[in-house]
């Protein structure tokens, strides 16, 4: 899939080193629900599980200008019966943040989710203090559905988590 500024390609075993590097970047890691980046072995097991189960589609975000991988984006918990999935995006290259790449990648992914996969609802979970992500999701058309108070522990501290969703009829 290709947009004006990024392309999305399916994540493969060959992306392992890149994904581990992107997830280990301190600014990115601070917004993930895990406290530590995965090990190489854990990532490879996870990727094998993703391929075996088929309820998750993971992509690498490639910046068209530089040609480098700058992040990941995907749909998990794909439920074809209820036509819904959970969305997640990560820009792991610090110099690629704030440039609209996540927005471009997200529009591509939403078009894929609602068009190719025929989903009706895409939802997400985000830390309540992640203001840049909240602004992005609102610009994309996600609506806040609620707050899960003290829902996740991050670095020993309980944090609120915002639940947001967008329906196919609301997508740009």
N, C-alpha and C. Protein backbone atom coordinates (compact mmCIF):
# COMPACT_ATOMS: atom_id res chain seq x y z
N UNK A 1 0.85 -1.18 0.00
CA UNK A 1 0.00 0.00 0.00
C UNK A 1 0.89 1.23 0.00
N UNK A 2 0.48 2.22 -0.75
CA UNK A 2 1.29 3.44 -0.80
C UNK A 2 0.42 4.67 -0.72
N UNK A 3 0.87 5.61 0.10
CA UNK A 3 0.21 6.90 0.24
C UNK A 3 1.12 7.98 -0.30
N UNK A 4 0.79 9.23 -0.04
CA UNK A 4 1.61 10.33 -0.54
C UNK A 4 3.02 10.37 0.06
N UNK A 5 3.17 9.90 1.30
CA UNK A 5 4.47 10.04 1.98
C UNK A 5 5.07 8.75 2.48
N UNK A 6 4.23 7.71 2.62
CA UNK A 6 4.73 6.44 3.14
C UNK A 6 4.17 5.27 2.33
N UNK A 7 4.84 4.14 2.46
CA UNK A 7 4.28 2.89 1.97
C UNK A 7 4.24 1.93 3.15
N UNK A 8 3.32 0.98 3.07
CA UNK A 8 3.19 -0.05 4.08
C UNK A 8 3.49 -1.38 3.41
N UNK A 9 4.36 -2.17 4.04
CA UNK A 9 4.62 -3.51 3.54
C UNK A 9 4.50 -4.49 4.69
N UNK A 10 4.04 -5.68 4.37
CA UNK A 10 3.85 -6.70 5.40
C UNK A 10 5.15 -6.94 6.15
N UNK A 11 5.04 -7.06 7.45
CA UNK A 11 6.19 -7.35 8.29
C UNK A 11 6.60 -8.81 8.09
N UNK A 12 7.90 -9.04 7.94
CA UNK A 12 8.42 -10.40 7.78
C UNK A 12 9.56 -10.63 8.77
N UNK A 13 10.06 -11.84 8.79
CA UNK A 13 11.21 -12.19 9.63
C UNK A 13 12.40 -11.29 9.29
N UNK A 14 12.53 -10.89 8.03
CA UNK A 14 13.65 -10.04 7.62
C UNK A 14 13.62 -8.66 8.29
N UNK A 15 12.47 -8.27 8.83
CA UNK A 15 12.34 -6.97 9.50
C UNK A 15 12.68 -7.03 10.99
N UNK A 16 13.06 -8.18 11.49
CA UNK A 16 13.25 -8.37 12.92
C UNK A 16 14.19 -7.34 13.54
N UNK A 17 15.38 -7.15 12.99
CA UNK A 17 16.32 -6.20 13.58
C UNK A 17 15.77 -4.78 13.58
N UNK A 18 15.11 -4.41 12.50
CA UNK A 18 14.52 -3.08 12.40
C UNK A 18 13.43 -2.89 13.44
N UNK A 19 12.53 -3.86 13.56
CA UNK A 19 11.42 -3.75 14.52
C UNK A 19 11.95 -3.68 15.94
N UNK A 20 12.94 -4.50 16.26
CA UNK A 20 13.52 -4.47 17.61
C UNK A 20 14.14 -3.11 17.91
N UNK A 21 14.83 -2.53 16.93
CA UNK A 21 15.45 -1.22 17.10
C UNK A 21 14.38 -0.14 17.31
N UNK A 22 13.32 -0.17 16.50
CA UNK A 22 12.26 0.83 16.60
C UNK A 22 11.53 0.75 17.94
N UNK A 23 11.27 -0.47 18.41
CA UNK A 23 10.55 -0.64 19.68
C UNK A 23 11.43 -0.33 20.90
N UNK A 24 12.74 -0.37 20.72
CA UNK A 24 13.65 -0.10 21.84
C UNK A 24 13.96 1.39 22.00
N UNK A 25 13.61 2.21 21.03
CA UNK A 25 13.89 3.65 21.12
C UNK A 25 13.14 4.20 22.33
N UNK A 26 13.82 4.90 23.23
CA UNK A 26 13.20 5.33 24.50
C UNK A 26 11.88 6.10 24.35
N UNK A 27 11.79 7.01 23.40
CA UNK A 27 10.55 7.77 23.22
C UNK A 27 9.40 6.89 22.78
N UNK A 28 9.69 5.90 21.95
CA UNK A 28 8.66 4.96 21.51
C UNK A 28 8.29 4.01 22.63
N UNK A 29 9.29 3.48 23.30
CA UNK A 29 9.06 2.52 24.38
C UNK A 29 8.20 3.13 25.50
N UNK A 30 8.35 4.42 25.72
CA UNK A 30 7.59 5.10 26.78
C UNK A 30 6.08 5.05 26.52
N UNK A 31 5.67 4.89 25.26
CA UNK A 31 4.25 4.89 24.92
C UNK A 31 3.69 3.49 24.68
N UNK A 32 4.53 2.48 24.75
CA UNK A 32 4.07 1.11 24.59
C UNK A 32 3.58 0.57 25.93
N UNK A 33 2.70 -0.40 25.89
CA UNK A 33 2.17 -0.97 27.11
C UNK A 33 3.17 -1.90 27.79
N UNK A 34 4.20 -2.32 27.08
CA UNK A 34 5.24 -3.16 27.68
C UNK A 34 6.30 -2.26 28.31
N UNK A 35 7.02 -2.80 29.30
CA UNK A 35 8.07 -2.02 29.96
C UNK A 35 9.43 -2.20 29.31
N UNK A 36 9.59 -3.24 28.51
CA UNK A 36 10.87 -3.50 27.88
C UNK A 36 10.63 -3.97 26.45
N UNK A 37 11.57 -3.68 25.56
CA UNK A 37 11.40 -4.17 24.19
C UNK A 37 11.54 -5.70 24.19
N UNK A 38 10.93 -6.35 23.20
CA UNK A 38 11.04 -7.80 23.15
C UNK A 38 12.45 -8.24 22.79
N UNK A 39 12.79 -9.44 23.20
CA UNK A 39 14.05 -10.03 22.77
C UNK A 39 13.86 -10.51 21.33
N UNK A 40 14.94 -10.80 20.68
CA UNK A 40 14.88 -11.34 19.31
C UNK A 40 14.05 -12.62 19.29
N UNK A 41 14.29 -13.50 20.24
CA UNK A 41 13.58 -14.78 20.28
C UNK A 41 12.09 -14.56 20.52
N UNK A 42 11.75 -13.66 21.43
CA UNK A 42 10.34 -13.37 21.70
C UNK A 42 9.65 -12.78 20.47
N UNK A 43 10.34 -11.89 19.77
CA UNK A 43 9.76 -11.29 18.56
C UNK A 43 9.52 -12.37 17.50
N UNK A 44 10.48 -13.24 17.30
CA UNK A 44 10.33 -14.29 16.28
C UNK A 44 9.18 -15.24 16.64
N UNK A 45 9.04 -15.58 17.93
CA UNK A 45 7.90 -16.41 18.36
C UNK A 45 6.59 -15.69 18.10
N UNK A 46 6.55 -14.40 18.44
CA UNK A 46 5.35 -13.58 18.23
C UNK A 46 5.00 -13.54 16.75
N UNK A 47 5.97 -13.31 15.90
CA UNK A 47 5.72 -13.21 14.46
C UNK A 47 5.22 -14.55 13.91
N UNK A 48 5.79 -15.65 14.37
CA UNK A 48 5.32 -16.97 13.93
C UNK A 48 3.87 -17.18 14.37
N UNK A 49 3.54 -16.73 15.58
CA UNK A 49 2.18 -16.85 16.09
C UNK A 49 1.22 -15.99 15.27
N UNK A 50 1.66 -14.79 14.91
CA UNK A 50 0.84 -13.89 14.08
C UNK A 50 0.50 -14.58 12.77
N UNK A 51 1.50 -15.18 12.13
CA UNK A 51 1.27 -15.84 10.85
C UNK A 51 0.37 -17.06 11.00
N UNK A 52 0.54 -17.80 12.09
CA UNK A 52 -0.24 -19.02 12.29
C UNK A 52 -1.71 -18.72 12.59
N UNK A 53 -1.98 -17.70 13.40
CA UNK A 53 -3.35 -17.40 13.83
C UNK A 53 -4.15 -16.66 12.78
N UNK A 54 -3.52 -15.74 12.06
CA UNK A 54 -4.21 -15.02 11.01
C UNK A 54 -5.17 -13.93 11.47
N UNK A 55 -5.17 -13.60 12.76
CA UNK A 55 -6.09 -12.56 13.25
C UNK A 55 -5.37 -11.23 13.48
N UNK A 56 -4.23 -11.09 12.81
CA UNK A 56 -3.43 -9.88 12.99
C UNK A 56 -2.71 -9.59 11.67
N UNK A 57 -2.70 -8.32 11.26
CA UNK A 57 -1.98 -7.90 10.06
C UNK A 57 -1.00 -6.80 10.48
N UNK A 58 0.27 -7.08 10.37
CA UNK A 58 1.31 -6.15 10.81
C UNK A 58 2.11 -5.65 9.61
N UNK A 59 2.40 -4.35 9.60
CA UNK A 59 3.10 -3.71 8.49
C UNK A 59 4.27 -2.87 9.00
N UNK A 60 5.25 -2.70 8.15
CA UNK A 60 6.36 -1.78 8.39
C UNK A 60 6.04 -0.51 7.62
N UNK A 61 6.23 0.65 8.27
CA UNK A 61 6.01 1.95 7.63
C UNK A 61 7.33 2.40 7.03
N UNK A 62 7.33 2.65 5.72
CA UNK A 62 8.54 3.09 5.02
C UNK A 62 8.33 4.53 4.55
N UNK A 63 9.23 5.42 4.94
CA UNK A 63 9.21 6.82 4.51
C UNK A 63 9.65 6.85 3.06
N UNK A 64 8.80 7.31 2.16
CA UNK A 64 9.12 7.32 0.74
C UNK A 64 10.27 8.26 0.41
N UNK A 65 10.40 9.35 1.15
CA UNK A 65 11.46 10.31 0.86
C UNK A 65 12.84 9.72 1.14
N UNK A 66 13.00 9.07 2.28
CA UNK A 66 14.30 8.53 2.66
C UNK A 66 14.47 7.05 2.29
N UNK A 67 13.34 6.35 2.11
CA UNK A 67 13.39 4.93 1.80
C UNK A 67 13.64 4.05 3.02
N UNK A 68 13.63 4.62 4.20
CA UNK A 68 13.92 3.83 5.41
C UNK A 68 12.66 3.51 6.19
N UNK A 69 12.73 2.40 6.91
CA UNK A 69 11.64 2.00 7.80
C UNK A 69 11.66 2.91 9.01
N UNK A 70 10.51 3.52 9.32
CA UNK A 70 10.44 4.46 10.44
C UNK A 70 9.49 4.02 11.53
N UNK A 71 8.70 2.97 11.26
CA UNK A 71 7.75 2.54 12.27
C UNK A 71 7.00 1.30 11.86
N UNK A 72 6.01 0.97 12.68
CA UNK A 72 5.15 -0.17 12.42
C UNK A 72 3.70 0.25 12.64
N UNK A 73 2.81 -0.48 11.99
CA UNK A 73 1.38 -0.22 12.13
C UNK A 73 0.65 -1.54 11.89
N UNK A 74 -0.47 -1.71 12.54
CA UNK A 74 -1.17 -2.96 12.31
C UNK A 74 -2.54 -3.03 12.92
N UNK A 75 -3.18 -4.13 12.60
CA UNK A 75 -4.49 -4.47 13.13
C UNK A 75 -4.35 -5.79 13.88
N UNK A 76 -4.85 -5.83 15.10
CA UNK A 76 -4.81 -7.06 15.88
C UNK A 76 -6.23 -7.39 16.33
N UNK A 77 -6.39 -8.57 16.90
CA UNK A 77 -7.71 -9.00 17.37
C UNK A 77 -8.76 -8.88 16.26
N UNK A 78 -8.36 -9.19 15.03
CA UNK A 78 -9.31 -9.08 13.91
C UNK A 78 -10.42 -10.10 14.12
N UNK A 79 -11.62 -9.58 14.21
CA UNK A 79 -12.80 -10.40 14.45
C UNK A 79 -13.74 -10.23 13.26
N UNK A 80 -13.72 -11.19 12.37
CA UNK A 80 -14.51 -11.09 11.14
C UNK A 80 -16.02 -11.21 11.41
N UNK A 81 -16.39 -11.96 12.43
CA UNK A 81 -17.82 -12.09 12.76
C UNK A 81 -18.41 -10.75 13.17
N UNK A 82 -17.71 -10.06 14.06
CA UNK A 82 -18.21 -8.77 14.55
C UNK A 82 -17.65 -7.59 13.74
N UNK A 83 -16.80 -7.90 12.77
CA UNK A 83 -16.23 -6.91 11.84
C UNK A 83 -15.51 -5.78 12.56
N UNK A 84 -14.57 -6.17 13.44
CA UNK A 84 -13.81 -5.18 14.21
C UNK A 84 -12.37 -5.63 14.38
N UNK A 85 -11.50 -4.67 14.72
CA UNK A 85 -10.10 -4.96 14.98
C UNK A 85 -9.50 -3.83 15.81
N UNK A 86 -8.41 -4.15 16.48
CA UNK A 86 -7.68 -3.13 17.26
C UNK A 86 -6.54 -2.60 16.42
N UNK A 87 -6.34 -1.29 16.48
CA UNK A 87 -5.32 -0.59 15.70
C UNK A 87 -4.16 -0.20 16.60
N UNK A 88 -2.97 -0.22 16.03
CA UNK A 88 -1.79 0.27 16.75
C UNK A 88 -0.78 0.82 15.77
N UNK A 89 -0.12 1.89 16.15
CA UNK A 89 0.91 2.50 15.30
C UNK A 89 2.07 2.93 16.18
N UNK A 90 3.27 2.86 15.63
CA UNK A 90 4.48 3.26 16.34
C UNK A 90 5.44 3.89 15.34
N UNK A 91 5.84 5.12 15.61
CA UNK A 91 6.93 5.74 14.84
C UNK A 91 8.14 5.68 15.76
N UNK A 92 9.08 4.82 15.43
CA UNK A 92 10.23 4.57 16.28
C UNK A 92 11.44 5.42 15.98
N UNK A 93 11.46 6.08 14.84
CA UNK A 93 12.57 6.97 14.49
C UNK A 93 12.24 8.37 15.01
N UNK A 94 13.01 8.87 15.99
CA UNK A 94 12.68 10.17 16.57
C UNK A 94 12.57 11.30 15.55
N UNK A 95 13.43 11.33 14.53
CA UNK A 95 13.38 12.42 13.56
C UNK A 95 12.23 12.28 12.56
N UNK A 96 11.48 11.18 12.64
CA UNK A 96 10.34 10.99 11.75
C UNK A 96 9.01 11.36 12.43
N UNK A 97 9.07 11.67 13.71
CA UNK A 97 7.85 12.03 14.43
C UNK A 97 7.44 13.47 14.13
N UNK A 98 6.13 13.70 14.18
CA UNK A 98 5.62 15.05 13.98
C UNK A 98 5.66 15.53 12.55
N UNK A 99 5.81 14.61 11.60
CA UNK A 99 5.91 14.98 10.19
C UNK A 99 4.73 14.47 9.37
N UNK A 100 3.73 13.91 10.03
CA UNK A 100 2.55 13.43 9.33
C UNK A 100 2.66 12.02 8.79
N UNK A 101 3.75 11.33 9.08
CA UNK A 101 3.92 9.98 8.55
C UNK A 101 2.96 8.99 9.20
N UNK A 102 2.74 9.12 10.50
CA UNK A 102 1.78 8.25 11.18
C UNK A 102 0.37 8.48 10.65
N UNK A 103 0.03 9.72 10.35
CA UNK A 103 -1.29 10.03 9.81
C UNK A 103 -1.46 9.41 8.43
N UNK A 104 -0.46 9.54 7.57
CA UNK A 104 -0.51 8.96 6.23
C UNK A 104 -0.64 7.44 6.32
N UNK A 105 0.19 6.84 7.17
CA UNK A 105 0.14 5.38 7.34
C UNK A 105 -1.21 4.94 7.88
N UNK A 106 -1.76 5.71 8.82
CA UNK A 106 -3.04 5.36 9.43
C UNK A 106 -4.18 5.43 8.42
N UNK A 107 -4.15 6.43 7.56
CA UNK A 107 -5.19 6.52 6.53
C UNK A 107 -5.14 5.31 5.60
N UNK A 108 -3.94 4.89 5.23
CA UNK A 108 -3.79 3.70 4.40
C UNK A 108 -4.35 2.47 5.12
N UNK A 109 -4.00 2.33 6.40
CA UNK A 109 -4.44 1.16 7.16
C UNK A 109 -5.96 1.16 7.34
N UNK A 110 -6.54 2.32 7.60
CA UNK A 110 -8.00 2.39 7.76
C UNK A 110 -8.70 2.08 6.44
N UNK A 111 -8.16 2.55 5.33
CA UNK A 111 -8.74 2.22 4.02
C UNK A 111 -8.69 0.70 3.80
N UNK A 112 -7.59 0.09 4.18
CA UNK A 112 -7.43 -1.36 4.07
C UNK A 112 -8.43 -2.08 5.00
N UNK A 113 -8.55 -1.60 6.23
CA UNK A 113 -9.44 -2.23 7.22
C UNK A 113 -10.89 -2.17 6.77
N UNK A 114 -11.34 -1.00 6.34
CA UNK A 114 -12.75 -0.82 5.99
C UNK A 114 -13.06 -1.29 4.57
N UNK A 115 -12.09 -1.16 3.69
CA UNK A 115 -12.30 -1.57 2.30
C UNK A 115 -11.97 -3.03 2.07
N UNK A 116 -10.70 -3.37 2.11
CA UNK A 116 -10.26 -4.73 1.78
C UNK A 116 -10.76 -5.78 2.77
N UNK A 117 -10.71 -5.47 4.06
CA UNK A 117 -11.12 -6.45 5.07
C UNK A 117 -12.62 -6.39 5.39
N UNK A 118 -13.28 -5.32 4.98
CA UNK A 118 -14.71 -5.20 5.23
C UNK A 118 -15.08 -5.02 6.68
N UNK A 119 -14.17 -4.45 7.48
CA UNK A 119 -14.47 -4.23 8.89
C UNK A 119 -15.43 -3.06 9.04
N UNK A 120 -16.10 -3.03 10.18
CA UNK A 120 -17.02 -1.93 10.48
C UNK A 120 -16.47 -1.00 11.56
N UNK A 121 -15.63 -1.56 12.45
CA UNK A 121 -15.15 -0.78 13.60
C UNK A 121 -13.68 -1.07 13.83
N UNK A 122 -12.91 0.00 14.04
CA UNK A 122 -11.50 -0.11 14.42
C UNK A 122 -11.34 0.68 15.72
N UNK A 123 -10.76 0.04 16.72
CA UNK A 123 -10.62 0.68 18.03
C UNK A 123 -9.16 0.68 18.47
N UNK A 124 -8.88 1.43 19.52
CA UNK A 124 -7.52 1.53 20.03
C UNK A 124 -7.54 1.81 21.52
N UNK A 125 -6.38 1.56 22.12
CA UNK A 125 -6.12 1.91 23.53
C UNK A 125 -4.86 2.76 23.55
N UNK A 126 -4.89 3.86 24.29
CA UNK A 126 -3.75 4.77 24.35
C UNK A 126 -3.66 5.36 25.76
N UNK A 127 -2.43 5.54 26.23
CA UNK A 127 -2.26 6.18 27.53
C UNK A 127 -2.88 7.57 27.49
N UNK A 128 -3.58 7.93 28.56
CA UNK A 128 -4.28 9.21 28.62
C UNK A 128 -3.34 10.40 28.55
N UNK A 129 -2.06 10.21 28.90
CA UNK A 129 -1.12 11.33 28.87
C UNK A 129 -0.34 11.41 27.55
N UNK A 130 -0.69 10.60 26.56
CA UNK A 130 0.00 10.63 25.26
C UNK A 130 -0.73 11.62 24.35
N UNK A 131 -0.52 12.89 24.61
CA UNK A 131 -1.24 13.95 23.90
C UNK A 131 -1.00 13.97 22.40
N UNK A 132 0.22 13.78 21.92
CA UNK A 132 0.40 13.76 20.45
C UNK A 132 -0.41 12.66 19.78
N UNK A 133 -0.45 11.48 20.39
CA UNK A 133 -1.23 10.37 19.81
C UNK A 133 -2.72 10.69 19.84
N UNK A 134 -3.20 11.23 20.95
CA UNK A 134 -4.62 11.58 21.05
C UNK A 134 -5.02 12.60 19.98
N UNK A 135 -4.16 13.59 19.74
CA UNK A 135 -4.45 14.58 18.68
C UNK A 135 -4.50 13.91 17.31
N UNK A 136 -3.57 13.00 17.04
CA UNK A 136 -3.55 12.27 15.77
C UNK A 136 -4.85 11.49 15.59
N UNK A 137 -5.23 10.74 16.60
CA UNK A 137 -6.42 9.89 16.49
C UNK A 137 -7.67 10.72 16.28
N UNK A 138 -7.76 11.86 16.95
CA UNK A 138 -8.91 12.74 16.76
C UNK A 138 -8.94 13.28 15.33
N UNK A 139 -7.77 13.68 14.80
CA UNK A 139 -7.71 14.17 13.42
C UNK A 139 -8.13 13.09 12.42
N UNK A 140 -7.83 11.84 12.74
CA UNK A 140 -8.20 10.73 11.86
C UNK A 140 -9.69 10.41 11.93
N UNK A 141 -10.37 10.90 12.95
CA UNK A 141 -11.80 10.65 13.08
C UNK A 141 -12.18 9.70 14.19
N UNK A 142 -11.19 9.23 14.97
CA UNK A 142 -11.51 8.37 16.11
C UNK A 142 -12.27 9.19 17.15
N UNK A 143 -13.23 8.54 17.79
CA UNK A 143 -14.02 9.15 18.86
C UNK A 143 -13.67 8.49 20.19
N UNK A 144 -13.57 9.31 21.23
CA UNK A 144 -13.30 8.78 22.56
C UNK A 144 -14.55 8.06 23.07
N UNK A 145 -14.35 6.84 23.54
CA UNK A 145 -15.46 6.05 24.06
C UNK A 145 -15.42 5.92 25.57
N UNK A 146 -14.27 6.19 26.14
CA UNK A 146 -14.20 6.10 27.59
C UNK A 146 -12.77 6.09 28.09
N UNK A 147 -12.68 6.08 29.41
CA UNK A 147 -11.38 6.05 30.09
C UNK A 147 -11.37 4.85 31.04
N UNK A 148 -10.35 4.03 30.88
CA UNK A 148 -10.13 2.91 31.80
C UNK A 148 -9.17 3.43 32.87
N UNK A 149 -9.71 3.73 34.03
CA UNK A 149 -8.93 4.36 35.08
C UNK A 149 -7.90 3.40 35.67
N UNK A 150 -6.66 3.90 35.79
CA UNK A 150 -5.56 3.13 36.37
C UNK A 150 -5.54 1.71 35.82
N UNK A 151 -5.62 1.62 34.51
CA UNK A 151 -5.80 0.35 33.81
C UNK A 151 -4.50 -0.38 33.51
N UNK A 152 -3.40 0.36 33.36
CA UNK A 152 -2.15 -0.28 32.95
C UNK A 152 -1.01 0.22 33.81
N UNK A 153 -0.13 -0.69 34.14
CA UNK A 153 1.06 -0.33 34.90
C UNK A 153 2.21 -0.08 33.94
N UNK A 154 2.82 1.06 34.07
CA UNK A 154 3.97 1.42 33.24
C UNK A 154 5.06 1.93 34.16
N UNK A 155 6.18 1.23 34.16
CA UNK A 155 7.32 1.59 35.00
C UNK A 155 6.89 1.75 36.46
N UNK A 156 6.04 0.83 36.91
CA UNK A 156 5.62 0.82 38.30
C UNK A 156 4.54 1.80 38.67
N UNK A 157 3.98 2.50 37.69
CA UNK A 157 2.95 3.50 37.95
C UNK A 157 1.68 3.13 37.20
N UNK A 158 0.53 3.18 37.87
CA UNK A 158 -0.74 2.90 37.21
C UNK A 158 -1.17 4.10 36.38
N UNK A 159 -1.56 3.83 35.13
CA UNK A 159 -1.92 4.91 34.22
C UNK A 159 -3.31 4.68 33.66
N UNK A 160 -4.00 5.79 33.41
CA UNK A 160 -5.29 5.74 32.74
C UNK A 160 -5.08 5.43 31.27
N UNK A 161 -6.04 4.71 30.69
CA UNK A 161 -6.00 4.36 29.28
C UNK A 161 -7.30 4.82 28.63
N UNK A 162 -7.15 5.53 27.53
CA UNK A 162 -8.31 6.01 26.77
C UNK A 162 -8.65 4.98 25.69
N UNK A 163 -9.94 4.69 25.54
CA UNK A 163 -10.43 3.82 24.47
C UNK A 163 -11.08 4.72 23.42
N UNK A 164 -10.67 4.53 22.17
CA UNK A 164 -11.21 5.31 21.05
C UNK A 164 -11.58 4.34 19.94
N UNK A 165 -12.49 4.77 19.06
CA UNK A 165 -12.86 3.94 17.93
C UNK A 165 -13.33 4.80 16.78
N UNK A 166 -13.28 4.23 15.60
CA UNK A 166 -13.82 4.85 14.40
C UNK A 166 -14.62 3.79 13.66
N UNK A 167 -15.76 4.19 13.12
CA UNK A 167 -16.61 3.28 12.36
C UNK A 167 -16.39 3.52 10.88
N UNK A 168 -16.69 2.53 10.07
CA UNK A 168 -16.50 2.63 8.63
C UNK A 168 -17.24 3.86 8.07
N UNK A 169 -18.40 4.17 8.61
CA UNK A 169 -19.19 5.31 8.13
C UNK A 169 -18.58 6.65 8.51
N UNK A 170 -17.60 6.64 9.43
CA UNK A 170 -16.96 7.88 9.89
C UNK A 170 -15.57 8.09 9.27
N UNK A 171 -15.07 7.09 8.60
CA UNK A 171 -13.69 7.15 8.09
C UNK A 171 -13.57 8.16 6.96
N UNK A 172 -12.42 8.83 6.92
CA UNK A 172 -12.22 9.82 5.83
C UNK A 172 -12.12 9.13 4.46
